[in-house]
């Protein structure tokens, strides 16, 4: 991504606020501050980097925790004194291990996808005992694919028999599909991009 960072309106400390938004669910994840150097590093590396006011240095999100933010889109407001950054999460954004630094009762329902993906990523990198996700990932792609096929069949049967389980079975199917995508190093956003490409043709 390219951007003219010189013509933004930074404050007297050389900083500009940056609102971070989930690129899939559009939920607000956090607020940070950037200067020209951190903004340029973000553009160059694709990893969201801030200027830490407490440490007085550049700080790439996830440099110690591993919970990174990958840049998807960056915009500025009409006054050019605030940034909106759409990013893909790798793990929870909040330092308290929460999906977002903001608590809201009216959460975008689509955010459950990114929350599930964050859990799957965590179990993939840090497996724990008695975790269904970790055990499924440990069994490998063939077993995960079998579960997707099984859940797809059960979803179809629920629709045909009209037994009231279509939504439940659909949830099972989507969950196992997310695990399969993550096993193959894809995300649900990749699927949405493909659907978007098809809709524009």
N, C-alpha and C. Protein backbone atom coordinates (compact mmCIF):
# COMPACT_ATOMS: atom_id res chain seq x y z
N UNK A 1 0.83 -1.20 0.00
CA UNK A 1 0.00 0.00 0.00
C UNK A 1 0.87 1.25 0.00
N UNK A 2 0.39 2.29 -0.70
CA UNK A 2 1.12 3.55 -0.75
C UNK A 2 0.23 4.67 -0.21
N UNK A 3 0.90 5.67 0.37
CA UNK A 3 0.14 6.76 0.98
C UNK A 3 1.06 7.96 1.14
N UNK A 4 0.51 9.16 0.94
CA UNK A 4 1.28 10.38 1.15
C UNK A 4 1.22 10.74 2.63
N UNK A 5 2.25 10.34 3.37
CA UNK A 5 2.24 10.55 4.82
C UNK A 5 2.67 11.96 5.21
N UNK A 6 3.23 12.71 4.29
CA UNK A 6 3.73 14.04 4.61
C UNK A 6 2.61 15.06 4.78
N UNK A 7 1.51 14.86 4.08
CA UNK A 7 0.44 15.86 4.09
C UNK A 7 -0.67 15.58 5.09
N UNK A 8 -0.39 14.71 6.07
CA UNK A 8 -1.35 14.49 7.15
C UNK A 8 -1.16 15.56 8.22
N UNK A 9 -2.20 15.80 9.01
CA UNK A 9 -2.13 16.81 10.06
C UNK A 9 -1.80 16.15 11.40
N UNK A 10 -0.52 16.07 11.71
CA UNK A 10 -0.06 15.51 12.98
C UNK A 10 -0.21 16.56 14.07
N UNK A 11 -0.29 16.13 15.32
CA UNK A 11 -0.38 17.10 16.42
C UNK A 11 1.00 17.69 16.72
N UNK A 12 1.09 18.51 17.77
CA UNK A 12 2.35 19.20 18.06
C UNK A 12 3.44 18.25 18.54
N UNK A 13 3.08 16.99 18.82
CA UNK A 13 4.08 15.98 19.17
C UNK A 13 4.47 15.13 17.97
N UNK A 14 3.87 15.45 16.83
CA UNK A 14 4.15 14.67 15.62
C UNK A 14 3.36 13.38 15.55
N UNK A 15 2.24 13.31 16.29
CA UNK A 15 1.44 12.09 16.35
C UNK A 15 0.08 12.27 15.70
N UNK A 16 -0.50 11.13 15.29
CA UNK A 16 -1.84 11.13 14.72
C UNK A 16 -2.56 9.88 15.25
N UNK A 17 -3.81 10.02 15.74
CA UNK A 17 -4.52 8.85 16.26
C UNK A 17 -4.90 7.89 15.14
N UNK A 18 -4.85 6.60 15.45
CA UNK A 18 -5.17 5.57 14.47
C UNK A 18 -6.18 4.60 15.07
N UNK A 19 -7.37 4.56 14.49
CA UNK A 19 -8.40 3.63 14.92
C UNK A 19 -8.21 2.33 14.15
N UNK A 20 -8.11 1.22 14.87
CA UNK A 20 -7.91 -0.08 14.23
C UNK A 20 -9.24 -0.81 14.16
N UNK A 21 -9.60 -1.25 12.96
CA UNK A 21 -10.88 -1.90 12.72
C UNK A 21 -10.65 -3.29 12.13
N UNK A 22 -11.41 -4.27 12.61
CA UNK A 22 -11.35 -5.62 12.07
C UNK A 22 -11.77 -5.58 10.60
N UNK A 23 -10.92 -6.08 9.71
CA UNK A 23 -11.20 -5.98 8.28
C UNK A 23 -12.34 -6.88 7.83
N UNK A 24 -12.73 -7.84 8.67
CA UNK A 24 -13.83 -8.74 8.31
C UNK A 24 -15.13 -8.28 8.94
N UNK A 25 -15.14 -8.12 10.28
CA UNK A 25 -16.38 -7.80 10.99
C UNK A 25 -16.64 -6.30 11.08
N UNK A 26 -15.59 -5.48 10.84
CA UNK A 26 -15.65 -4.02 10.97
C UNK A 26 -15.81 -3.55 12.40
N UNK A 27 -15.63 -4.44 13.38
CA UNK A 27 -15.62 -4.01 14.78
C UNK A 27 -14.36 -3.22 15.06
N UNK A 28 -14.47 -2.23 15.96
CA UNK A 28 -13.30 -1.46 16.37
C UNK A 28 -12.49 -2.31 17.36
N UNK A 29 -11.20 -2.42 17.12
CA UNK A 29 -10.33 -3.27 17.94
C UNK A 29 -9.54 -2.48 18.96
N UNK A 30 -9.01 -1.34 18.57
CA UNK A 30 -8.19 -0.57 19.49
C UNK A 30 -7.93 0.82 18.91
N UNK A 31 -7.34 1.68 19.74
CA UNK A 31 -6.88 2.99 19.32
C UNK A 31 -5.41 3.12 19.67
N UNK A 32 -4.62 3.55 18.73
CA UNK A 32 -3.20 3.79 18.98
C UNK A 32 -2.78 5.10 18.35
N UNK A 33 -1.49 5.42 18.49
CA UNK A 33 -0.97 6.65 17.90
C UNK A 33 0.21 6.32 17.00
N UNK A 34 0.31 7.05 15.91
CA UNK A 34 1.40 6.86 14.96
C UNK A 34 2.12 8.17 14.71
N UNK A 35 3.39 8.06 14.36
CA UNK A 35 4.10 9.20 13.80
C UNK A 35 4.50 8.82 12.37
N UNK A 36 5.25 9.68 11.71
CA UNK A 36 5.61 9.41 10.31
C UNK A 36 6.40 8.11 10.18
N UNK A 37 7.31 7.88 11.12
CA UNK A 37 8.15 6.67 11.03
C UNK A 37 7.34 5.39 11.23
N UNK A 38 6.45 5.39 12.20
CA UNK A 38 5.66 4.18 12.45
C UNK A 38 4.67 3.93 11.31
N UNK A 39 4.14 5.01 10.77
CA UNK A 39 3.22 4.88 9.64
C UNK A 39 3.96 4.33 8.42
N UNK A 40 5.15 4.84 8.18
CA UNK A 40 5.94 4.35 7.05
C UNK A 40 6.32 2.89 7.23
N UNK A 41 6.68 2.51 8.45
CA UNK A 41 7.02 1.11 8.72
C UNK A 41 5.80 0.21 8.51
N UNK A 42 4.64 0.68 8.93
CA UNK A 42 3.40 -0.07 8.71
C UNK A 42 3.17 -0.31 7.23
N UNK A 43 3.36 0.74 6.43
CA UNK A 43 3.17 0.63 4.98
C UNK A 43 4.21 -0.29 4.34
N UNK A 44 5.43 -0.23 4.84
CA UNK A 44 6.53 -1.03 4.26
C UNK A 44 6.42 -2.51 4.60
N UNK A 45 6.04 -2.81 5.86
CA UNK A 45 6.07 -4.20 6.33
C UNK A 45 4.71 -4.89 6.29
N UNK A 46 3.63 -4.10 6.31
CA UNK A 46 2.29 -4.68 6.37
C UNK A 46 1.88 -5.07 7.78
N UNK A 47 2.74 -4.83 8.76
CA UNK A 47 2.41 -5.09 10.16
C UNK A 47 2.18 -3.76 10.87
N UNK A 48 1.01 -3.63 11.50
CA UNK A 48 0.64 -2.35 12.10
C UNK A 48 1.61 -1.98 13.21
N UNK A 49 2.20 -0.81 13.08
CA UNK A 49 3.22 -0.32 14.02
C UNK A 49 2.82 1.05 14.54
N UNK A 50 2.93 1.22 15.84
CA UNK A 50 2.55 2.47 16.49
C UNK A 50 3.79 3.18 17.04
N UNK A 51 3.55 4.40 17.54
CA UNK A 51 4.56 5.07 18.35
C UNK A 51 4.08 4.98 19.79
N UNK A 52 4.85 4.29 20.63
CA UNK A 52 4.48 4.13 22.03
C UNK A 52 4.82 5.40 22.80
N UNK A 53 3.79 6.04 23.35
CA UNK A 53 4.01 7.28 24.09
C UNK A 53 4.67 7.00 25.44
N UNK A 54 4.45 5.82 25.99
CA UNK A 54 5.06 5.48 27.29
C UNK A 54 6.53 5.09 27.13
N UNK A 55 6.83 4.35 26.05
CA UNK A 55 8.21 3.90 25.84
C UNK A 55 9.01 4.83 24.93
N UNK A 56 8.30 5.76 24.31
CA UNK A 56 8.93 6.74 23.41
C UNK A 56 9.75 6.06 22.31
N UNK A 57 9.12 5.10 21.68
CA UNK A 57 9.77 4.40 20.57
C UNK A 57 8.70 3.75 19.68
N UNK A 58 9.15 3.28 18.50
CA UNK A 58 8.22 2.55 17.64
C UNK A 58 7.88 1.21 18.29
N UNK A 59 6.63 0.79 18.11
CA UNK A 59 6.16 -0.45 18.71
C UNK A 59 5.26 -1.17 17.72
N UNK A 60 5.73 -2.32 17.22
CA UNK A 60 4.93 -3.13 16.32
C UNK A 60 4.00 -4.00 17.13
N UNK A 61 2.71 -3.92 16.86
CA UNK A 61 1.72 -4.71 17.61
C UNK A 61 2.08 -6.19 17.52
N UNK A 62 2.19 -6.83 18.69
CA UNK A 62 2.48 -8.26 18.74
C UNK A 62 3.95 -8.60 18.74
N UNK A 63 4.82 -7.62 18.91
CA UNK A 63 6.26 -7.91 18.85
C UNK A 63 6.71 -8.80 20.00
N UNK A 64 5.97 -8.78 21.12
CA UNK A 64 6.30 -9.70 22.22
C UNK A 64 5.25 -10.79 22.39
N UNK A 65 3.98 -10.45 22.19
CA UNK A 65 2.90 -11.42 22.40
C UNK A 65 2.66 -12.31 21.18
N UNK A 66 3.06 -11.83 20.01
CA UNK A 66 2.77 -12.57 18.78
C UNK A 66 1.39 -12.25 18.21
N UNK A 67 0.60 -11.45 18.93
CA UNK A 67 -0.76 -11.10 18.47
C UNK A 67 -0.68 -9.89 17.54
N UNK A 68 -0.35 -10.16 16.31
CA UNK A 68 -0.09 -9.08 15.35
C UNK A 68 -1.35 -8.60 14.66
N UNK A 69 -1.21 -7.46 14.01
CA UNK A 69 -2.25 -6.90 13.16
C UNK A 69 -1.66 -6.70 11.77
N UNK A 70 -2.29 -7.32 10.77
CA UNK A 70 -1.79 -7.23 9.41
C UNK A 70 -2.63 -6.22 8.62
N UNK A 71 -1.95 -5.24 8.08
CA UNK A 71 -2.60 -4.13 7.36
C UNK A 71 -3.34 -4.61 6.12
N UNK A 72 -4.61 -4.19 6.00
CA UNK A 72 -5.40 -4.48 4.80
C UNK A 72 -5.76 -3.20 4.05
N UNK A 73 -6.07 -2.16 4.80
CA UNK A 73 -6.47 -0.89 4.18
C UNK A 73 -6.22 0.23 5.16
N UNK A 74 -5.83 1.39 4.66
CA UNK A 74 -5.62 2.55 5.53
C UNK A 74 -6.23 3.78 4.88
N UNK A 75 -6.98 4.54 5.67
CA UNK A 75 -7.65 5.74 5.18
C UNK A 75 -7.45 6.86 6.19
N UNK A 76 -7.66 8.11 5.74
CA UNK A 76 -7.64 9.23 6.67
C UNK A 76 -8.96 9.97 6.57
N UNK A 77 -9.29 10.74 7.63
CA UNK A 77 -10.57 11.44 7.66
C UNK A 77 -10.50 12.74 6.86
N UNK A 78 -11.61 13.47 6.83
CA UNK A 78 -11.70 14.67 5.98
C UNK A 78 -10.73 15.76 6.39
N UNK A 79 -10.36 15.80 7.67
CA UNK A 79 -9.40 16.81 8.14
C UNK A 79 -7.96 16.31 8.12
N UNK A 80 -7.78 15.07 7.73
CA UNK A 80 -6.46 14.45 7.67
C UNK A 80 -5.74 14.45 9.02
N UNK A 81 -6.54 14.37 10.11
CA UNK A 81 -5.91 14.35 11.44
C UNK A 81 -6.25 13.08 12.22
N UNK A 82 -6.77 12.09 11.52
CA UNK A 82 -7.05 10.79 12.15
C UNK A 82 -7.01 9.71 11.07
N UNK A 83 -6.57 8.52 11.47
CA UNK A 83 -6.46 7.40 10.54
C UNK A 83 -7.45 6.30 10.89
N UNK A 84 -7.93 5.62 9.88
CA UNK A 84 -8.74 4.41 10.05
C UNK A 84 -7.98 3.28 9.36
N UNK A 85 -7.58 2.29 10.16
CA UNK A 85 -6.80 1.18 9.64
C UNK A 85 -7.60 -0.11 9.76
N UNK A 86 -7.85 -0.75 8.63
CA UNK A 86 -8.51 -2.05 8.62
C UNK A 86 -7.43 -3.11 8.60
N UNK A 87 -7.52 -4.04 9.54
CA UNK A 87 -6.45 -5.02 9.72
C UNK A 87 -7.00 -6.41 10.01
N UNK A 88 -6.19 -7.40 9.70
CA UNK A 88 -6.51 -8.79 10.04
C UNK A 88 -5.77 -9.16 11.31
N UNK A 89 -6.48 -9.75 12.24
CA UNK A 89 -5.89 -10.14 13.53
C UNK A 89 -5.14 -11.46 13.44
N UNK A 90 -4.05 -11.54 14.18
CA UNK A 90 -3.43 -12.82 14.49
C UNK A 90 -3.45 -12.93 16.01
N UNK A 91 -4.50 -13.53 16.54
CA UNK A 91 -4.67 -13.60 17.98
C UNK A 91 -5.43 -12.40 18.50
N UNK A 92 -5.74 -12.38 19.81
CA UNK A 92 -6.50 -11.28 20.42
C UNK A 92 -5.74 -9.96 20.30
N UNK A 93 -6.49 -8.88 20.11
CA UNK A 93 -5.85 -7.56 20.00
C UNK A 93 -5.53 -6.97 21.37
N UNK A 94 -6.44 -7.13 22.32
CA UNK A 94 -6.26 -6.53 23.64
C UNK A 94 -5.18 -7.26 24.44
N UNK A 95 -4.42 -6.49 25.24
CA UNK A 95 -3.36 -7.10 26.07
C UNK A 95 -3.94 -7.96 27.19
N UNK A 96 -5.25 -7.85 27.41
CA UNK A 96 -5.93 -8.71 28.39
C UNK A 96 -6.44 -9.99 27.74
N UNK A 97 -5.96 -10.25 26.51
CA UNK A 97 -6.33 -11.46 25.75
C UNK A 97 -7.77 -11.43 25.29
N UNK A 98 -8.35 -10.24 25.16
CA UNK A 98 -9.69 -10.10 24.61
C UNK A 98 -9.61 -9.80 23.12
N UNK A 99 -10.68 -10.15 22.42
CA UNK A 99 -10.77 -9.90 20.98
C UNK A 99 -10.52 -8.43 20.65
N UNK A 100 -11.13 -7.53 21.45
CA UNK A 100 -11.02 -6.10 21.23
C UNK A 100 -10.73 -5.40 22.55
N UNK A 101 -10.14 -4.21 22.48
CA UNK A 101 -9.91 -3.40 23.68
C UNK A 101 -11.21 -2.73 24.14
N UNK A 102 -12.24 -2.77 23.29
CA UNK A 102 -13.52 -2.16 23.62
C UNK A 102 -14.55 -3.22 23.92
N UNK A 103 -15.31 -3.02 25.00
CA UNK A 103 -16.39 -3.92 25.36
C UNK A 103 -17.70 -3.29 24.90
N UNK A 104 -18.47 -4.05 24.13
CA UNK A 104 -19.75 -3.53 23.64
C UNK A 104 -20.79 -4.63 23.68
N UNK A 105 -21.96 -4.30 24.19
CA UNK A 105 -23.05 -5.27 24.22
C UNK A 105 -23.65 -5.45 22.83
N UNK A 106 -23.48 -4.44 21.98
CA UNK A 106 -24.00 -4.52 20.62
C UNK A 106 -22.87 -4.85 19.65
N UNK A 107 -22.32 -6.01 19.82
CA UNK A 107 -21.21 -6.44 18.99
C UNK A 107 -21.72 -6.92 17.64
N UNK A 108 -21.00 -6.60 16.58
CA UNK A 108 -21.33 -7.10 15.26
C UNK A 108 -21.35 -8.62 15.31
N UNK A 109 -22.48 -9.23 14.92
CA UNK A 109 -22.60 -10.68 15.03
C UNK A 109 -21.57 -11.42 14.20
N UNK A 110 -21.06 -10.77 13.16
CA UNK A 110 -20.07 -11.42 12.31
C UNK A 110 -18.72 -11.56 13.00
N UNK A 111 -18.53 -10.84 14.09
CA UNK A 111 -17.25 -10.89 14.79
C UNK A 111 -16.97 -12.26 15.39
N UNK A 112 -18.00 -13.10 15.54
CA UNK A 112 -17.77 -14.44 16.08
C UNK A 112 -16.83 -15.22 15.17
N UNK A 113 -16.84 -14.92 13.88
CA UNK A 113 -15.93 -15.59 12.95
C UNK A 113 -14.48 -15.28 13.30
N UNK A 114 -14.18 -14.01 13.50
CA UNK A 114 -12.80 -13.62 13.82
C UNK A 114 -12.41 -14.09 15.21
N UNK A 115 -13.38 -14.12 16.13
CA UNK A 115 -13.08 -14.62 17.47
C UNK A 115 -12.75 -16.11 17.42
N UNK A 116 -13.52 -16.87 16.65
CA UNK A 116 -13.25 -18.30 16.50
C UNK A 116 -11.89 -18.52 15.83
N UNK A 117 -11.60 -17.71 14.82
CA UNK A 117 -10.30 -17.85 14.14
C UNK A 117 -9.15 -17.55 15.09
N UNK A 118 -9.35 -16.59 15.97
CA UNK A 118 -8.31 -16.26 16.96
C UNK A 118 -8.07 -17.45 17.89
N UNK A 119 -9.16 -18.11 18.30
CA UNK A 119 -9.04 -19.29 19.16
C UNK A 119 -8.32 -20.42 18.42
N UNK A 120 -8.70 -20.64 17.17
CA UNK A 120 -8.07 -21.70 16.37
C UNK A 120 -6.58 -21.42 16.20
N UNK A 121 -6.24 -20.17 15.91
CA UNK A 121 -4.81 -19.80 15.78
C UNK A 121 -4.06 -20.08 17.07
N UNK A 122 -4.69 -19.74 18.19
CA UNK A 122 -4.03 -19.93 19.48
C UNK A 122 -3.82 -21.41 19.77
N UNK A 123 -4.83 -22.23 19.49
CA UNK A 123 -4.71 -23.68 19.72
C UNK A 123 -3.71 -24.31 18.74
N UNK A 124 -3.58 -23.70 17.58
CA UNK A 124 -2.63 -24.19 16.59
C UNK A 124 -1.19 -23.94 17.04
N UNK A 125 -0.97 -22.75 17.60
CA UNK A 125 0.38 -22.37 18.04
C UNK A 125 0.70 -22.84 19.45
N UNK A 126 -0.34 -22.90 20.30
CA UNK A 126 -0.14 -23.29 21.69
C UNK A 126 -1.19 -24.32 22.10
N UNK A 127 -1.06 -25.55 21.62
CA UNK A 127 -2.07 -26.58 21.92
C UNK A 127 -2.15 -26.88 23.41
N UNK A 128 -3.36 -27.13 23.90
CA UNK A 128 -3.55 -27.49 25.30
C UNK A 128 -4.36 -28.79 25.36
N UNK A 129 -4.18 -29.50 26.47
CA UNK A 129 -4.90 -30.75 26.65
C UNK A 129 -6.41 -30.51 26.75
N UNK A 130 -7.17 -31.52 26.31
CA UNK A 130 -8.63 -31.50 26.39
C UNK A 130 -9.25 -30.40 25.51
N UNK A 131 -8.48 -29.88 24.56
CA UNK A 131 -9.02 -28.91 23.62
C UNK A 131 -9.44 -29.65 22.36
N UNK A 132 -10.72 -29.53 21.98
CA UNK A 132 -11.21 -30.21 20.79
C UNK A 132 -10.50 -29.67 19.55
N UNK A 133 -10.32 -28.35 19.49
CA UNK A 133 -9.66 -27.73 18.33
C UNK A 133 -8.22 -28.25 18.20
N UNK A 134 -7.49 -28.28 19.32
CA UNK A 134 -6.10 -28.75 19.29
C UNK A 134 -6.03 -30.21 18.85
N UNK A 135 -6.94 -31.04 19.36
CA UNK A 135 -6.92 -32.46 18.99
C UNK A 135 -7.28 -32.65 17.53
N UNK A 136 -8.19 -31.83 17.03
CA UNK A 136 -8.58 -31.91 15.62
C UNK A 136 -7.42 -31.49 14.72
N UNK A 137 -6.74 -30.42 15.08
CA UNK A 137 -5.59 -29.96 14.30
C UNK A 137 -4.46 -30.99 14.33
N UNK A 138 -4.31 -31.64 15.48
CA UNK A 138 -3.26 -32.64 15.63
C UNK A 138 -3.49 -33.85 14.74
N UNK A 139 -4.75 -34.15 14.43
CA UNK A 139 -5.08 -35.31 13.60
C UNK A 139 -4.79 -35.08 12.13
N UNK A 140 -4.62 -33.82 11.73
CA UNK A 140 -4.21 -33.54 10.36
C UNK A 140 -5.36 -33.26 9.39
N UNK A 141 -4.96 -32.86 8.19
CA UNK A 141 -5.91 -32.37 7.20
C UNK A 141 -6.93 -33.42 6.78
N UNK A 142 -6.53 -34.69 6.67
CA UNK A 142 -7.48 -35.72 6.22
C UNK A 142 -8.64 -35.88 7.20
N UNK A 143 -8.31 -35.90 8.49
CA UNK A 143 -9.36 -36.05 9.50
C UNK A 143 -10.24 -34.81 9.57
N UNK A 144 -9.64 -33.63 9.43
CA UNK A 144 -10.42 -32.39 9.45
C UNK A 144 -11.36 -32.37 8.24
N UNK A 145 -10.83 -32.76 7.08
CA UNK A 145 -11.64 -32.79 5.87
C UNK A 145 -12.80 -33.77 6.01
N UNK A 146 -12.56 -34.90 6.67
CA UNK A 146 -13.63 -35.88 6.91
C UNK A 146 -14.74 -35.26 7.75
N UNK A 147 -14.35 -34.47 8.76
CA UNK A 147 -15.35 -33.83 9.62
C UNK A 147 -16.17 -32.82 8.83
N UNK A 148 -15.52 -32.09 7.92
CA UNK A 148 -16.25 -31.13 7.09
C UNK A 148 -17.26 -31.86 6.22
N UNK A 149 -16.82 -32.97 5.62
CA UNK A 149 -17.74 -33.78 4.79
C UNK A 149 -18.90 -34.32 5.62
N UNK A 150 -18.60 -34.81 6.82
CA UNK A 150 -19.62 -35.33 7.71
C UNK A 150 -20.64 -34.26 8.09
N UNK A 151 -20.13 -33.07 8.44
CA UNK A 151 -21.02 -31.99 8.85
C UNK A 151 -21.84 -31.47 7.67
N UNK A 152 -21.25 -31.48 6.48
CA UNK A 152 -21.98 -31.05 5.28
C UNK A 152 -23.15 -32.00 5.01
N UNK A 153 -22.89 -33.30 5.19
CA UNK A 153 -23.95 -34.29 5.01
C UNK A 153 -25.07 -34.11 6.01
N UNK A 154 -24.70 -33.87 7.27
CA UNK A 154 -25.71 -33.69 8.32
C UNK A 154 -26.52 -32.41 8.09
N UNK A 155 -25.86 -31.38 7.56
CA UNK A 155 -26.58 -30.14 7.25
C UNK A 155 -27.60 -30.38 6.14
N UNK A 156 -27.19 -31.11 5.11
CA UNK A 156 -28.10 -31.42 4.01
C UNK A 156 -29.29 -32.24 4.48
N UNK A 157 -29.02 -33.24 5.32
CA UNK A 157 -30.09 -34.10 5.84
C UNK A 157 -31.07 -33.29 6.69
N UNK A 158 -30.52 -32.37 7.50
CA UNK A 158 -31.38 -31.53 8.35
C UNK A 158 -32.31 -30.69 7.49
N UNK A 159 -31.83 -30.22 6.35
CA UNK A 159 -32.67 -29.42 5.46
C UNK A 159 -33.76 -30.27 4.81
N UNK A 160 -33.37 -31.44 4.35
CA UNK A 160 -34.31 -32.32 3.65
C UNK A 160 -35.39 -32.84 4.60
N UNK A 161 -34.99 -33.24 5.80
CA UNK A 161 -35.94 -33.81 6.76
C UNK A 161 -36.70 -32.75 7.53
N UNK A 162 -36.21 -31.50 7.46
CA UNK A 162 -36.86 -30.39 8.17
C UNK A 162 -37.08 -30.72 9.64
N UNK A 163 -35.99 -31.20 10.27
CA UNK A 163 -36.10 -31.66 11.67
C UNK A 163 -35.75 -30.57 12.69
N UNK A 164 -35.59 -29.34 12.21
CA UNK A 164 -35.32 -28.22 13.11
C UNK A 164 -33.86 -28.06 13.51
N UNK A 165 -32.98 -28.85 12.88
CA UNK A 165 -31.57 -28.79 13.26
C UNK A 165 -30.69 -28.12 12.20
N UNK A 166 -31.30 -27.48 11.22
CA UNK A 166 -30.52 -26.91 10.12
C UNK A 166 -29.53 -25.85 10.61
N UNK A 167 -29.97 -24.98 11.50
CA UNK A 167 -29.07 -23.93 12.00
C UNK A 167 -27.94 -24.55 12.83
N UNK A 168 -28.26 -25.50 13.70
CA UNK A 168 -27.24 -26.16 14.52
C UNK A 168 -26.20 -26.86 13.64
N UNK A 169 -26.68 -27.60 12.65
CA UNK A 169 -25.76 -28.34 11.78
C UNK A 169 -24.94 -27.38 10.91
N UNK A 170 -25.55 -26.28 10.50
CA UNK A 170 -24.83 -25.27 9.71
C UNK A 170 -23.69 -24.66 10.53
N UNK A 171 -23.95 -24.42 11.83
CA UNK A 171 -22.91 -23.88 12.72
C UNK A 171 -21.76 -24.87 12.85
N UNK A 172 -22.10 -26.16 12.98
CA UNK A 172 -21.04 -27.20 13.06
C UNK A 172 -20.22 -27.22 11.77
N UNK A 173 -20.90 -27.12 10.65
CA UNK A 173 -20.21 -27.13 9.35
C UNK A 173 -19.28 -25.94 9.21
N UNK A 174 -19.77 -24.75 9.56
CA UNK A 174 -18.95 -23.55 9.43
C UNK A 174 -17.74 -23.60 10.36
N UNK A 175 -17.96 -24.09 11.58
CA UNK A 175 -16.85 -24.19 12.53
C UNK A 175 -15.75 -25.09 11.99
N UNK A 176 -16.12 -26.27 11.51
CA UNK A 176 -15.11 -27.21 11.00
C UNK A 176 -14.46 -26.70 9.72
N UNK A 177 -15.21 -25.93 8.93
CA UNK A 177 -14.62 -25.31 7.74
C UNK A 177 -13.55 -24.29 8.14
N UNK A 178 -13.81 -23.52 9.20
CA UNK A 178 -12.82 -22.55 9.69
C UNK A 178 -11.54 -23.27 10.13
N UNK A 179 -11.69 -24.41 10.82
CA UNK A 179 -10.53 -25.18 11.24
C UNK A 179 -9.76 -25.68 10.03
N UNK A 180 -10.47 -26.16 9.01
CA UNK A 180 -9.81 -26.65 7.79
C UNK A 180 -9.06 -25.53 7.09
N UNK A 181 -9.68 -24.36 6.98
CA UNK A 181 -9.02 -23.22 6.33
C UNK A 181 -7.75 -22.84 7.08
N UNK A 182 -7.83 -22.78 8.40
CA UNK A 182 -6.66 -22.42 9.20
C UNK A 182 -5.56 -23.48 9.09
N UNK A 183 -5.95 -24.74 9.03
CA UNK A 183 -4.99 -25.83 8.84
C UNK A 183 -4.20 -25.66 7.55
N UNK A 184 -4.86 -25.09 6.55
CA UNK A 184 -4.23 -24.88 5.24
C UNK A 184 -3.70 -23.45 5.07
N UNK A 185 -3.61 -22.73 6.20
CA UNK A 185 -3.06 -21.36 6.22
C UNK A 185 -3.89 -20.37 5.41
N UNK A 186 -5.21 -20.56 5.44
CA UNK A 186 -6.14 -19.59 4.86
C UNK A 186 -7.02 -19.05 5.98
N UNK A 187 -7.76 -17.99 5.66
CA UNK A 187 -8.71 -17.44 6.62
C UNK A 187 -10.05 -17.27 5.93
N UNK A 188 -11.07 -16.98 6.72
CA UNK A 188 -12.41 -16.77 6.14
C UNK A 188 -12.41 -15.55 5.23
N UNK A 189 -11.51 -14.61 5.51
CA UNK A 189 -11.42 -13.42 4.67
C UNK A 189 -11.02 -13.79 3.25
N UNK A 190 -10.18 -14.83 3.09
CA UNK A 190 -9.81 -15.29 1.75
C UNK A 190 -11.03 -15.78 0.98
N UNK A 191 -11.94 -16.45 1.69
CA UNK A 191 -13.18 -16.92 1.07
C UNK A 191 -14.05 -15.73 0.66
N UNK A 192 -14.14 -14.73 1.54
CA UNK A 192 -14.94 -13.54 1.23
C UNK A 192 -14.37 -12.78 0.04
N UNK A 193 -13.05 -12.73 -0.04
CA UNK A 193 -12.42 -12.06 -1.19
C UNK A 193 -12.78 -12.76 -2.49
N UNK A 194 -12.77 -14.09 -2.47
CA UNK A 194 -13.12 -14.86 -3.66
C UNK A 194 -14.57 -14.62 -4.05
N UNK A 195 -15.46 -14.57 -3.05
CA UNK A 195 -16.87 -14.29 -3.34
C UNK A 195 -17.03 -12.88 -3.91
N UNK A 196 -16.26 -11.95 -3.38
CA UNK A 196 -16.31 -10.58 -3.88
C UNK A 196 -15.82 -10.50 -5.32
N UNK A 197 -14.75 -11.26 -5.62
CA UNK A 197 -14.24 -11.30 -6.99
C UNK A 197 -15.29 -11.84 -7.95
N UNK A 198 -16.00 -12.87 -7.51
CA UNK A 198 -17.04 -13.46 -8.37
C UNK A 198 -18.21 -12.51 -8.58
N UNK A 199 -18.56 -11.77 -7.53
CA UNK A 199 -19.71 -10.88 -7.64
C UNK A 199 -19.43 -9.69 -8.54
N UNK A 200 -18.13 -9.36 -8.71
CA UNK A 200 -17.77 -8.21 -9.55
C UNK A 200 -17.57 -8.59 -11.01
N UNK A 201 -17.65 -9.89 -11.31
CA UNK A 201 -17.47 -10.36 -12.70
C UNK A 201 -18.80 -10.35 -13.45
